[in-house]
Protein backbone atom coordinates (compact mmCIF):
# COMPACT_ATOMS: atom_id res chain seq x y z
CA MET A 1 -69.41 73.91 83.14
CA ALA A 2 -67.03 74.44 80.21
CA GLU A 3 -64.32 72.44 81.96
CA TYR A 4 -66.79 69.61 82.62
CA ALA A 5 -67.97 69.61 79.00
CA ALA A 6 -64.37 69.52 77.73
CA ALA A 7 -63.48 66.68 80.08
CA LEU A 8 -66.57 64.69 79.07
CA ALA A 9 -65.82 65.18 75.38
CA ALA A 10 -62.24 64.03 75.93
CA PHE A 11 -63.49 60.97 77.83
CA GLN A 12 -65.80 60.10 74.95
CA ARG A 13 -62.98 60.40 72.41
CA VAL A 14 -60.66 58.20 74.49
CA THR A 15 -63.46 55.67 74.98
CA ALA A 16 -64.13 55.54 71.25
CA LEU A 17 -60.43 55.05 70.60
CA ALA A 18 -60.30 52.23 73.17
CA ILE A 19 -63.31 50.46 71.68
CA GLU A 20 -61.80 50.75 68.22
CA HIS A 21 -58.36 49.37 69.09
CA HIS A 22 -58.67 47.11 72.13
CA ALA A 23 -58.96 43.98 69.95
CA ALA A 24 -56.04 44.87 67.66
CA LEU A 25 -54.10 41.75 68.70
CA ASP A 26 -57.04 39.38 69.09
CA THR A 27 -56.76 37.81 65.64
CA ALA A 28 -53.06 37.14 66.12
CA THR A 29 -53.70 35.74 69.59
CA ARG A 30 -56.39 33.37 68.35
CA LEU A 31 -54.09 32.13 65.60
CA MET A 32 -51.26 31.49 68.04
CA HIS A 33 -53.48 29.75 70.58
CA ALA A 34 -54.47 27.41 67.76
CA HIS A 35 -50.84 26.70 66.83
CA ALA A 36 -48.97 26.86 70.13
CA TRP A 37 -49.12 23.04 70.22
CA VAL A 38 -46.05 22.87 67.99
CA GLY A 39 -44.00 23.88 71.03
CA GLY A 40 -40.56 25.43 71.00
CA GLY A 41 -40.56 29.09 70.07
CA ALA A 42 -44.29 29.01 69.26
CA THR A 43 -45.10 28.57 72.93
CA ALA A 44 -42.84 31.43 73.97
CA PHE A 45 -44.16 33.67 71.19
CA THR A 46 -47.74 32.96 72.27
CA THR A 47 -46.86 33.98 75.81
CA ASP A 48 -45.16 37.14 74.57
CA LEU A 49 -48.09 38.01 72.30
CA THR A 50 -50.59 37.45 75.09
CA GLY A 51 -48.54 39.71 77.34
CA HIS A 52 -48.53 42.55 74.79
CA ARG A 53 -52.25 42.14 74.26
CA THR A 54 -52.80 42.42 78.01
CA ARG A 55 -50.63 45.57 78.15
CA LEU A 56 -52.65 47.07 75.28
CA GLN A 57 -56.00 46.50 76.93
CA SER A 58 -54.79 47.49 80.40
CA SER A 59 -53.43 50.77 79.04
CA LEU A 60 -56.69 51.59 77.30
CA SER A 61 -58.61 50.82 80.49
CA ALA A 62 -56.22 53.00 82.49
CA ALA A 63 -56.64 55.88 80.04
CA MET A 64 -60.44 55.73 80.26
CA ARG A 65 -60.24 55.53 84.06
CA ALA A 66 -58.01 58.61 84.17
CA MET A 67 -60.38 60.59 81.93
CA ALA A 68 -63.41 59.42 83.95
CA ASP A 69 -61.75 60.68 87.15
CA LEU A 70 -61.14 64.02 85.42
CA VAL A 71 -64.85 64.26 84.56
CA VAL A 72 -65.72 63.73 88.25
CA ARG A 73 -63.18 66.35 89.38
CA GLN A 74 -64.85 68.82 87.04
CA GLY A 75 -68.17 68.30 88.83
CA GLY A 76 -69.78 65.71 86.57
CA PRO A 77 -71.18 62.28 87.38
CA ASN A 78 -68.89 59.26 87.17
CA PRO A 79 -69.25 58.02 83.53
CA ALA A 80 -69.61 54.32 82.80
CA ILE A 81 -66.39 52.73 81.52
CA PRO A 82 -66.92 49.98 78.94
CA ALA A 83 -65.00 46.73 79.33
CA VAL A 84 -62.22 46.39 76.79
CA THR A 85 -60.79 43.05 77.88
CA THR A 86 -61.42 40.00 75.71
CA SER A 87 -60.59 36.31 75.96
CA PRO A 88 -59.92 34.99 72.48
CA THR A 89 -59.44 31.24 72.31
CA GLY A 90 -58.13 28.92 69.64
CA ALA A 91 -58.53 25.33 68.60
CA SER A 92 -57.00 22.56 70.71
CA ALA A 93 -53.90 20.70 69.60
CA PRO A 94 -54.62 18.53 66.56
CA ALA A 95 -54.20 14.78 66.63
CA GLY A 96 -51.59 12.93 64.63
CA ALA A 97 -47.92 12.32 65.31
CA PHE A 98 -46.84 13.93 62.03
CA ARG A 99 -49.27 16.86 61.78
CA GLY A 100 -47.94 20.09 60.27
CA ILE A 101 -49.31 23.64 60.11
CA ASP A 102 -50.83 25.70 57.32
CA PRO A 103 -48.37 28.36 56.09
CA GLN A 104 -51.33 30.52 55.04
CA ALA A 105 -52.33 30.74 58.70
CA MET A 106 -48.83 31.98 59.49
CA ALA A 107 -49.03 34.52 56.66
CA THR A 108 -52.34 35.68 58.14
CA LEU A 109 -50.63 35.97 61.52
CA ALA A 110 -47.94 38.23 60.07
CA SER A 111 -50.60 40.35 58.33
CA ALA A 112 -52.61 40.68 61.55
CA LEU A 113 -49.51 41.87 63.41
CA ASP A 114 -48.68 44.28 60.60
CA GLN A 115 -52.20 45.69 60.69
CA ALA A 116 -51.99 46.09 64.47
CA ALA A 117 -48.71 47.98 64.12
CA HIS A 118 -50.13 50.39 61.54
CA THR A 119 -53.23 51.19 63.58
CA LEU A 120 -51.79 51.24 67.09
CA ALA A 121 -48.93 53.64 66.33
CA PRO A 122 -51.18 56.61 65.42
CA ALA A 123 -53.72 55.55 68.05
CA GLY A 124 -51.01 55.75 70.69
CA ALA A 125 -50.02 59.23 69.53
CA ARG A 126 -53.65 60.42 69.66
CA LEU A 127 -54.17 58.90 73.09
CA GLY A 128 -51.02 60.51 74.47
CA SER A 129 -52.09 63.86 73.09
CA GLU A 130 -55.53 63.61 74.68
CA LEU A 131 -54.06 62.74 78.07
CA THR A 132 -51.31 65.36 78.13
CA GLY A 133 -53.77 67.98 76.87
CA HIS A 134 -55.64 67.57 80.16
CA GLY A 135 -52.60 67.36 82.39
CA LEU A 136 -52.62 63.56 82.65
CA SER A 137 -49.82 61.02 82.18
CA ALA A 138 -49.22 60.00 78.59
CA GLN A 139 -47.94 56.55 79.62
CA PRO A 140 -50.93 54.64 78.13
CA GLY A 141 -50.20 56.25 74.77
CA HIS A 142 -46.51 55.33 75.06
CA THR A 143 -47.50 51.73 75.80
CA LEU A 144 -49.61 51.57 72.64
CA GLY A 145 -46.59 52.82 70.70
CA GLN A 146 -44.41 50.11 72.24
CA VAL A 147 -46.95 47.41 71.39
CA ALA A 148 -47.08 48.77 67.83
CA GLY A 149 -43.29 48.58 67.56
CA TRP A 150 -43.22 44.99 68.85
CA SER A 151 -45.97 44.03 66.40
CA ALA A 152 -44.12 45.54 63.46
CA GLU A 153 -40.83 43.86 64.38
CA SER A 154 -42.52 40.49 64.92
CA SER A 155 -44.35 40.76 61.61
CA ARG A 156 -41.14 41.49 59.70
CA ASP A 157 -39.30 38.61 61.36
CA LEU A 158 -42.11 36.14 60.69
CA ARG A 159 -42.44 37.17 57.04
CA GLN A 160 -38.72 36.82 56.42
CA ARG A 161 -38.52 33.42 58.10
CA LEU A 162 -41.67 32.13 56.44
CA SER A 163 -40.43 33.17 53.01
CA ARG A 164 -37.09 31.44 53.55
CA ILE A 165 -38.70 28.25 54.89
CA GLN A 166 -41.18 28.03 52.02
CA ARG A 167 -38.33 28.23 49.52
CA SER A 168 -36.80 25.09 51.05
CA VAL A 169 -39.95 23.15 51.97
CA PRO A 170 -41.58 21.35 49.04
CA TRP A 171 -44.87 20.67 50.82
CA SER A 172 -48.02 22.72 51.19
CA THR A 173 -47.81 22.22 54.97
CA LEU A 174 -44.97 23.29 57.26
CA PRO A 175 -43.39 20.64 59.51
CA ALA A 176 -44.20 21.34 63.14
CA GLY A 177 -40.54 21.22 64.12
CA ARG A 178 -39.59 23.83 61.53
CA ALA A 179 -42.33 26.08 62.86
CA ALA A 180 -41.23 25.55 66.45
CA TYR A 181 -37.51 26.17 65.97
CA ASP A 182 -37.21 28.13 62.74
CA LEU A 183 -40.34 30.18 62.07
CA PHE A 184 -40.51 31.08 65.77
CA GLY A 185 -36.81 30.50 66.25
CA ALA A 186 -36.20 34.00 67.62
CA HIS A 187 -38.35 33.05 70.62
CA ALA A 188 -37.27 29.42 71.03
CA PRO A 189 -35.74 28.55 74.38
CA GLY A 190 -32.76 26.28 74.00
CA SER A 191 -29.79 24.57 75.44
CA ALA A 192 -26.57 26.50 74.99
CA GLN A 193 -24.79 23.15 74.97
CA VAL A 194 -26.87 21.89 72.02
CA ARG A 195 -26.35 25.10 70.06
CA ARG A 196 -22.61 24.92 70.68
CA LEU A 197 -22.39 21.27 69.64
CA LEU A 198 -24.38 21.85 66.45
CA ASN A 199 -22.13 24.76 65.54
CA GLN A 200 -19.08 22.57 66.13
CA ILE A 201 -20.54 19.77 64.00
CA ALA A 202 -21.14 22.26 61.18
CA ALA A 203 -17.43 23.11 61.45
CA GLY A 204 -16.51 19.43 61.04
CA ASP A 205 -15.90 18.42 64.66
CA ALA A 206 -16.45 14.64 65.01
CA GLY A 207 -16.05 14.90 68.78
CA ALA A 208 -19.12 17.15 68.88
CA VAL A 209 -21.10 14.40 67.11
CA ARG A 210 -20.17 11.95 69.87
CA ALA A 211 -21.08 14.48 72.55
CA LEU A 212 -24.47 15.22 70.97
CA LEU A 213 -25.20 11.49 70.60
CA ALA A 214 -24.57 11.14 74.33
CA VAL A 215 -27.15 13.85 75.01
CA GLN A 216 -29.54 12.14 72.60
CA GLU A 217 -29.14 8.77 74.32
CA LYS A 218 -30.47 10.16 77.60
CA GLY A 219 -33.80 11.07 75.98
CA GLN A 220 -34.35 14.02 78.32
CA ASP A 221 -34.52 16.81 75.73
CA THR A 222 -37.83 16.32 73.91
CA SER A 223 -36.95 19.10 71.46
CA LEU A 224 -33.49 17.85 70.46
CA ALA A 225 -34.53 15.99 67.29
CA ALA A 226 -36.62 18.94 66.07
CA ARG A 227 -33.65 21.24 66.66
CA VAL A 228 -31.37 18.92 64.71
CA ASN A 229 -33.85 18.78 61.84
CA THR A 230 -34.22 22.56 61.77
CA TRP A 231 -30.44 23.04 62.00
CA TRP A 232 -29.90 20.68 59.07
CA HIS A 233 -32.41 22.44 56.84
CA THR A 234 -31.01 25.88 57.61
CA LEU A 235 -27.43 24.88 56.73
CA PRO A 236 -26.17 26.01 53.33
CA GLU A 237 -26.10 22.99 51.04
CA ASP A 238 -22.38 23.30 50.43
CA SER A 239 -21.66 23.00 54.17
CA ARG A 240 -23.79 19.94 54.97
CA LEU A 241 -21.35 17.40 56.36
CA THR A 242 -22.31 13.73 56.11
CA THR A 243 -18.83 12.20 56.38
CA LEU A 244 -18.30 12.62 60.13
CA ALA A 245 -18.19 9.38 62.11
CA GLY A 246 -21.56 8.72 63.72
CA PHE A 247 -23.26 11.69 62.06
CA GLY A 248 -26.01 9.54 60.55
CA ASN A 249 -27.03 8.32 64.01
CA LEU A 250 -28.42 11.75 64.90
CA ASN A 251 -32.19 11.63 65.32
CA GLY A 252 -34.03 14.32 63.38
CA LEU A 253 -31.94 14.13 60.22
CA PRO A 254 -33.83 13.05 57.09
CA ALA A 255 -33.82 9.26 56.73
CA THR A 256 -32.07 9.31 53.35
CA ILE A 257 -29.31 11.54 54.77
CA ARG A 258 -28.87 9.16 57.71
CA ASP A 259 -28.60 6.23 55.31
CA GLN A 260 -26.06 8.04 53.13
CA ALA A 261 -23.95 9.12 56.10
CA ASN A 262 -24.02 5.73 57.80
CA ARG A 263 -23.13 3.80 54.65
CA HIS A 264 -20.18 6.14 54.16
CA TRP A 265 -19.12 5.64 57.77
CA LEU A 266 -19.51 1.87 57.46
CA SER A 267 -17.22 1.80 54.42
CA ALA A 268 -14.68 4.04 56.11
CA GLU A 269 -14.69 1.90 59.27
CA LYS A 270 -14.29 -1.27 57.22
CA ALA A 271 -11.28 0.18 55.40
CA ARG A 272 -9.73 1.40 58.63
CA LEU A 273 -10.19 -1.90 60.47
CA THR A 274 -8.95 -3.90 57.49
CA THR A 275 -5.74 -1.86 57.51
CA GLU A 276 -5.38 -2.30 61.27
CA LEU A 277 -5.91 -6.03 60.98
CA GLU A 278 -3.21 -6.33 58.33
CA LYS A 279 -0.78 -4.42 60.54
CA THR A 280 -1.52 -6.48 63.65
CA ALA A 281 0.85 -9.41 64.00
CA ILE A 282 -0.37 -12.62 65.60
CA ASP A 283 3.01 -14.18 66.07
CA HIS A 284 2.88 -13.48 69.78
CA PRO A 285 0.09 -14.45 72.23
CA GLU A 286 -0.25 -10.92 73.57
CA HIS A 287 -1.24 -9.69 70.11
CA LEU A 288 -3.86 -12.34 69.58
CA GLY A 289 -6.53 -10.57 71.65
CA THR A 290 -6.14 -7.37 69.67
CA TRP A 291 -6.32 -9.25 66.39
CA GLU A 292 -9.48 -11.09 67.46
CA LYS A 293 -11.14 -7.86 68.57
CA ILE A 294 -10.47 -6.19 65.22
CA ALA A 295 -11.57 -9.29 63.33
CA ASN A 296 -14.82 -9.38 65.31
CA GLN A 297 -15.56 -5.75 64.47
CA LEU A 298 -14.97 -6.50 60.79
CA ARG A 299 -17.28 -9.51 61.04
CA ARG A 300 -20.00 -7.21 62.43
CA LEU A 301 -19.55 -4.72 59.59
CA ASN A 302 -19.79 -7.53 57.06
CA LEU A 303 -22.98 -8.70 58.78
CA ILE A 304 -24.49 -5.22 58.39
CA GLU A 305 -23.50 -5.09 54.73
CA GLN A 306 -25.15 -8.45 54.13
CA GLU A 307 -28.36 -7.32 55.81
CA LEU A 308 -28.43 -4.19 53.66
CA GLN A 309 -28.62 -6.21 50.47
CA PRO A 310 -31.91 -5.53 48.63
CA ARG A 311 -34.61 -8.17 49.02
CA PRO A 312 -36.92 -8.85 46.08
CA GLY A 313 -40.42 -7.63 46.83
CA TYR A 314 -39.35 -5.26 49.59
CA PRO A 315 -38.37 -1.56 49.59
CA SER A 316 -34.69 -0.71 49.74
CA PRO A 317 -33.39 -0.81 53.32
CA LEU A 318 -32.24 2.42 54.96
CA LEU A 319 -29.41 2.28 57.50
CA LEU A 320 -30.62 4.72 60.15
CA ALA A 321 -27.99 3.90 62.78
CA PHE A 322 -25.27 1.46 63.75
CA ASP A 323 -22.61 1.22 66.42
CA LEU A 324 -20.12 -1.53 67.14
CA THR A 325 -19.66 -0.87 70.86
CA GLY A 326 -21.15 -3.16 73.51
CA ASN A 327 -23.85 -5.45 72.16
CA GLY A 328 -23.83 -3.34 69.03
CA ARG A 329 -26.60 -1.11 67.75
CA LEU A 330 -28.44 -1.44 64.47
CA ILE A 331 -31.50 0.40 63.15
CA ILE A 332 -32.70 -0.47 59.66
CA SER A 333 -35.93 0.62 58.01
CA TRP A 334 -37.71 -1.21 55.20
CA GLY A 335 -39.40 1.76 53.59
CA ASN A 336 -38.75 5.47 54.06
CA PRO A 337 -40.12 6.57 57.46
CA ASP A 338 -40.10 10.22 56.37
CA THR A 339 -42.71 9.64 53.68
CA ALA A 340 -44.55 6.54 54.91
CA ASP A 341 -48.25 6.56 55.61
CA ILE A 342 -47.55 4.17 58.48
CA THR A 343 -44.30 3.79 60.40
CA VAL A 344 -43.90 0.78 62.70
CA THR A 345 -40.94 0.47 65.07
CA ASN A 346 -40.11 -3.02 66.32
CA VAL A 347 -38.41 -3.28 69.72
CA SER A 348 -36.85 -6.60 70.75
CA GLY A 349 -35.79 -7.90 74.13
CA LEU A 350 -33.59 -10.57 75.70
CA THR A 351 -30.49 -11.59 73.65
CA SER A 352 -31.23 -9.08 70.87
CA GLY A 353 -28.33 -7.10 69.47
CA LEU A 354 -26.18 -6.63 66.41
CA ASP A 355 -24.83 -10.18 66.36
CA ALA A 356 -28.33 -11.70 66.36
CA ALA A 357 -29.95 -9.05 64.17
CA HIS A 358 -30.92 -11.34 61.29
CA GLY A 359 -33.99 -12.75 63.03
CA ASP A 360 -35.21 -9.29 64.08
CA LEU A 361 -34.79 -7.99 60.54
CA GLU A 362 -36.79 -10.92 59.20
CA ARG A 363 -39.59 -10.07 61.64
CA ALA A 364 -39.63 -6.44 60.47
CA ARG A 365 -39.85 -7.59 56.87
CA ALA A 366 -42.65 -10.03 57.73
CA LEU A 367 -44.62 -7.18 59.32
CA TRP A 368 -43.97 -4.95 56.31
CA ARG A 369 -45.27 -7.64 53.98
CA GLN A 370 -48.33 -8.40 56.12
CA ALA A 371 -49.26 -4.73 56.57
CA ALA A 372 -48.71 -4.01 52.88
CA VAL A 373 -50.97 -6.88 51.83
CA THR A 374 -53.95 -5.46 53.74
CA GLY A 375 -52.98 -1.77 53.69
CA GLY A 376 -54.96 -0.75 50.64
CA GLY A 377 -51.98 0.84 48.91
CA LYS A 378 -50.65 2.71 51.94
CA SER A 379 -46.89 3.04 52.13
CA ILE A 380 -45.30 1.24 55.08
CA ALA A 381 -41.95 1.71 56.83
CA SER A 382 -41.08 -1.20 59.12
CA ILE A 383 -38.10 -0.50 61.37
CA THR A 384 -35.90 -2.92 63.27
CA TRP A 385 -34.82 -0.93 66.31
CA LEU A 386 -31.84 -2.48 68.07
CA GLY A 387 -30.91 0.82 69.67
CA TYR A 388 -30.00 -0.24 73.20
CA ASP A 389 -28.00 -2.83 75.13
CA ALA A 390 -30.70 -5.44 75.67
CA PRO A 391 -30.12 -8.06 78.40
CA GLN A 392 -28.03 -11.05 77.37
CA ILE A 393 -27.46 -14.54 78.72
CA ASP A 394 -24.04 -13.74 80.15
CA PRO A 395 -22.50 -12.61 83.45
CA GLY A 396 -24.57 -9.42 83.12
CA LEU A 397 -27.50 -11.43 84.48
CA PHE A 398 -26.21 -10.52 87.94
CA ASP A 399 -25.91 -6.79 87.18
CA PRO A 400 -29.17 -4.85 87.93
CA GLY A 401 -28.28 -2.42 85.16
CA LYS A 402 -28.04 -5.19 82.54
CA SER A 403 -30.06 -8.14 83.82
CA VAL A 404 -33.35 -9.29 82.35
CA ALA A 405 -34.59 -9.59 85.92
CA PHE A 406 -34.41 -5.82 86.48
CA GLN A 407 -35.62 -2.67 84.71
CA GLY A 408 -32.27 -0.91 84.39
CA ALA A 409 -31.62 -1.84 80.76
CA ALA A 410 -35.24 -1.09 79.84
CA ALA A 411 -35.08 2.35 81.44
CA LYS A 412 -31.95 3.28 79.45
CA GLY A 413 -33.36 1.71 76.31
CA GLY A 414 -36.68 3.47 76.79
CA ALA A 415 -34.94 6.84 76.87
CA ALA A 416 -33.10 6.02 73.64
CA LEU A 417 -36.34 4.77 72.03
CA ALA A 418 -38.20 7.92 73.04
CA SER A 419 -35.46 10.02 71.46
CA PHE A 420 -35.60 7.92 68.29
CA THR A 421 -39.36 8.42 67.90
CA ASP A 422 -38.80 12.17 68.42
CA GLY A 423 -36.59 11.94 65.35
CA LEU A 424 -39.23 10.11 63.33
CA ARG A 425 -41.70 12.89 64.12
CA ALA A 426 -39.22 15.67 63.35
CA SER A 427 -38.12 14.35 59.96
CA HIS A 428 -41.47 13.09 58.66
CA HIS A 429 -43.14 15.03 55.88
CA PRO A 430 -46.16 16.84 57.35
CA SER A 431 -49.30 14.71 57.34
CA SER A 432 -52.59 14.72 59.21
CA THR A 433 -53.23 11.06 58.42
CA ALA A 434 -49.86 9.31 58.81
CA ARG A 435 -49.63 6.91 61.74
CA ALA A 436 -46.89 5.72 64.07
CA VAL A 437 -46.96 2.27 65.70
CA VAL A 438 -44.54 0.74 68.21
CA ILE A 439 -44.37 -3.02 68.79
CA GLY A 440 -42.54 -4.28 71.86
CA HIS A 441 -41.74 -7.98 72.26
CA SER A 442 -40.76 -9.68 75.51
CA TYR A 443 -38.34 -7.46 77.47
CA GLY A 444 -38.67 -5.01 74.56
CA SER A 445 -42.27 -4.40 75.68
CA LEU A 446 -40.89 -3.16 79.00
CA THR A 447 -38.48 -0.92 77.10
CA SER A 448 -41.41 0.37 75.04
CA GLY A 449 -43.40 0.98 78.21
CA HIS A 450 -40.63 3.15 79.63
CA ALA A 451 -40.46 5.12 76.37
CA ALA A 452 -44.24 5.64 76.39
CA THR A 453 -44.17 7.12 79.88
CA LEU A 454 -41.37 9.47 78.82
CA ARG A 455 -43.40 10.72 75.82
CA PRO A 456 -47.03 10.62 76.96
CA GLY A 457 -49.34 10.91 73.99
CA ARG A 458 -46.44 11.28 71.56
CA LEU A 459 -44.67 7.93 71.28
CA ALA A 460 -47.15 6.29 68.94
CA ASP A 461 -50.75 6.16 67.79
CA ASP A 462 -50.91 2.47 68.72
CA LEU A 463 -48.72 0.49 71.11
CA ILE A 464 -48.64 -3.29 70.57
CA LEU A 465 -47.20 -5.54 73.29
CA VAL A 466 -46.52 -9.20 72.53
CA GLY A 467 -45.11 -11.85 74.84
CA SER A 468 -44.83 -9.26 77.57
CA PRO A 469 -43.59 -9.89 81.13
CA GLY A 470 -45.00 -6.46 82.11
CA VAL A 471 -44.38 -2.89 81.04
CA GLY A 472 -43.56 -1.21 84.34
CA VAL A 473 -47.04 0.18 85.06
CA ASN A 474 -50.26 -1.19 86.53
CA HIS A 475 -52.75 0.18 84.02
CA ALA A 476 -52.70 0.97 80.31
CA SER A 477 -53.69 4.58 80.98
CA GLU A 478 -50.32 5.12 82.70
CA LEU A 479 -48.58 4.65 79.34
CA GLY A 480 -49.77 8.03 78.09
CA LEU A 481 -52.03 6.55 75.40
CA ASP A 482 -55.75 6.05 75.30
CA PRO A 483 -56.06 2.45 76.60
CA LYS A 484 -58.11 1.56 73.53
CA HIS A 485 -54.90 2.01 71.53
CA VAL A 486 -52.83 -0.31 73.71
CA TRP A 487 -52.94 -3.85 72.32
CA VAL A 488 -51.73 -7.02 74.01
CA GLY A 489 -51.04 -10.33 72.28
CA GLU A 490 -50.26 -13.43 74.32
CA ALA A 491 -49.74 -16.78 72.67
CA GLY A 492 -51.19 -19.71 74.52
CA GLY A 493 -48.23 -21.58 75.98
CA ASP A 494 -45.92 -18.50 76.12
CA PRO A 495 -44.20 -18.85 79.52
CA VAL A 496 -42.96 -15.24 79.58
CA THR A 497 -46.50 -13.86 79.75
CA THR A 498 -47.05 -15.71 83.02
CA LEU A 499 -44.12 -14.08 84.79
CA GLY A 500 -45.69 -10.73 85.70
CA SER A 501 -42.28 -9.43 86.69
CA PHE A 502 -42.74 -5.74 85.93
CA GLY A 503 -46.02 -4.28 87.15
CA ALA A 504 -49.46 -5.66 86.41
CA ASP A 505 -49.96 -8.33 83.75
CA PRO A 506 -50.83 -6.50 80.51
CA GLY A 507 -53.03 -9.44 79.50
CA ASP A 508 -55.30 -9.18 82.52
CA ASP A 509 -58.61 -7.39 82.08
CA SER A 510 -57.74 -5.13 85.01
CA PHE A 511 -54.82 -3.68 83.03
CA GLY A 512 -57.30 -1.98 80.69
CA ALA A 513 -55.70 -2.79 77.34
CA HIS A 514 -57.25 -4.59 74.38
CA ARG A 515 -56.40 -8.27 73.92
CA PHE A 516 -56.07 -9.28 70.28
CA PRO A 517 -56.36 -12.89 69.09
CA VAL A 518 -53.07 -14.73 68.73
CA GLY A 519 -53.41 -18.50 68.92
CA ARG A 520 -51.49 -21.18 70.73
CA GLU A 521 -48.14 -22.89 70.32
CA VAL A 522 -46.07 -25.48 72.12
CA TYR A 523 -44.38 -24.27 75.26
CA THR A 524 -40.90 -24.23 73.74
CA ALA A 525 -41.91 -22.25 70.61
CA ALA A 526 -44.74 -19.99 71.77
CA HIS A 527 -42.63 -16.98 72.80
CA SER A 528 -41.14 -16.55 69.32
CA SER A 529 -44.20 -17.59 67.32
CA TYR A 530 -45.84 -14.19 66.88
CA TRP A 531 -44.26 -13.59 63.45
CA ASP A 532 -44.77 -17.11 62.05
CA ALA A 533 -45.87 -17.01 58.42
CA GLY A 534 -49.63 -17.30 58.08
CA SER A 535 -50.17 -17.11 61.84
CA THR A 536 -53.16 -15.41 63.41
CA SER A 537 -50.86 -13.13 65.38
CA LEU A 538 -49.01 -11.90 62.28
CA ARG A 539 -52.26 -11.29 60.38
CA ASN A 540 -53.74 -9.37 63.29
CA MET A 541 -50.62 -7.29 63.88
CA GLY A 542 -50.80 -6.30 60.21
CA ARG A 543 -54.40 -5.21 60.72
CA LEU A 544 -53.53 -3.25 63.86
CA ILE A 545 -50.66 -1.51 62.09
CA ASN A 546 -53.14 -0.37 59.45
CA GLY A 547 -55.66 0.78 62.07
CA GLN A 548 -58.14 -1.88 60.89
CA TYR A 549 -59.33 -2.71 64.38
CA ASP A 550 -62.59 -4.30 63.25
CA HIS A 551 -60.86 -6.76 60.90
CA LEU A 552 -59.12 -8.92 63.51
CA THR A 553 -59.50 -12.67 63.02
CA MET A 554 -59.73 -15.56 65.46
CA PRO A 555 -57.24 -18.46 65.37
CA ARG A 556 -58.20 -21.72 63.76
CA PRO A 557 -59.37 -24.41 66.20
CA GLY A 558 -56.45 -26.29 67.76
CA SER A 559 -55.75 -29.94 67.51
CA GLY A 560 -57.05 -30.57 70.99
CA GLN A 561 -53.93 -32.55 71.86
CA PRO A 562 -52.16 -31.85 75.17
CA GLN A 563 -48.79 -30.10 74.90
CA LEU A 564 -45.61 -30.57 76.83
CA LEU A 565 -45.74 -28.77 80.19
CA MET A 566 -48.86 -26.85 79.16
CA PRO A 567 -52.19 -28.66 78.73
CA GLU A 568 -54.22 -27.63 75.67
CA ILE A 569 -57.10 -25.49 76.87
CA ASP A 570 -59.03 -22.65 75.36
CA PRO A 571 -56.80 -19.54 75.83
CA ALA A 572 -59.90 -17.36 76.15
CA LEU A 573 -61.07 -19.40 79.15
CA ALA A 574 -57.76 -20.26 80.69
CA ARG A 575 -56.71 -18.54 83.87
CA LYS A 576 -53.02 -17.83 84.15
CA PRO A 577 -51.00 -19.67 86.79
CA ASN A 578 -51.24 -17.99 90.14
CA ARG A 579 -48.04 -16.09 90.69
């Protein structure tokens, strides 16, 4: 009977210890479940934390089971073993493209892990002593000690990282990317290639910039921009290089740094090409082609410089990217996208490119003005995104990878656009209210559609499609957004909207998007009329950019006169030509 009584007393002590400590990691687990949405190392850390919590509770259960079996062997009844497994849950991922996290929650996480370490270490020693004192394996006690050690190490690492980040972050909220790849950087999975290239860039290797831009262009690595942003902020200030060719084109860098780097590169390229042009003789026909090529590149640089001139009444333009190869690339923002309450990215289609950028820049400015007028004081950043080789009216019409009749150019452009919006998210100051909008026009709507499918739920808060020939899907829900945030504008008389070349017609009710009022124009002008000053379409796009969905206006009644090739009929009642 004495052996039974001793075994029962030991079982009761082990059970009390298990009840006291089985939830030691529950607070930390709840906090991480609520913040794992930031991705990167946070996801891996959550998995690791959950695994240690499972080991803790399994070890306590095993210890009670072993002591219960001892009670039975000593002639007693099988004692009831209380359940010590829990299922803590956290909040779902918050909405908002630019949402950050509360550093106080992360400080609480570190404290919870520290508390677990301080309580589990002695608890593990007591448990091991109880088990070995009755001839049983001390492994459950050893496991508690290991969990305590992991908790202590994790707490120290988090505190050190959080303290360093808070010294460099001027906001009360931590950017999600910094949390994903800096705060939880020790757990972040990553590409060895990206790490190597970033290290080479930090050492001044311009070739590594070109290689990383090639990775960026593919749009496959959804974490690349956040990694670049984190890398930039962790560099010592005296080693931040902004003079490397193409450096400012890296998505994830702060917008002002991109502008500074690209303006420097533009000036350097202009000086280099000017010198080359002066050295190139044109006294022989074989040299003429080289001279013309250099002169054309200089003409493009001069065009960019002209477009960067300040415009009265508008914010200073930021040069986010440029490239002279191919059709040329140019990305300019009117307003700082890192601090804007609303960021709108404008994606153009057929014949767009560096040489024809003036019209696209005027459209971006028109949208900025319209959104600012009705925005109630909100800050707006309106971006002209000419970041891909859009189809042209040239021999490329017969190349499936370049032609407007195929999706090849849109697929490549969509990948680049997705990567660009990753950068907007990574560099934006944390905000739970800031909005992102993407507007795709003509073939650019197809490009935007491809980008949306690559970043479901992350490309934008609202997707606006105007003059669209189709976006590559058959229903708005396939774009990764709630269909109520997919908006379609079709001007009466716009021939492109009748093509239906790429999936279902976005303007049909069956597509599931919202139609917004636009108006009607003559057949030859309708496709480019969406930004006309004072037009219904421009006013309504400004409202949509601001999220003022219940303030859309109807067009003024038309003249009632028939129009060339397109009779004047009520657009709301008209059925599109049967394809």
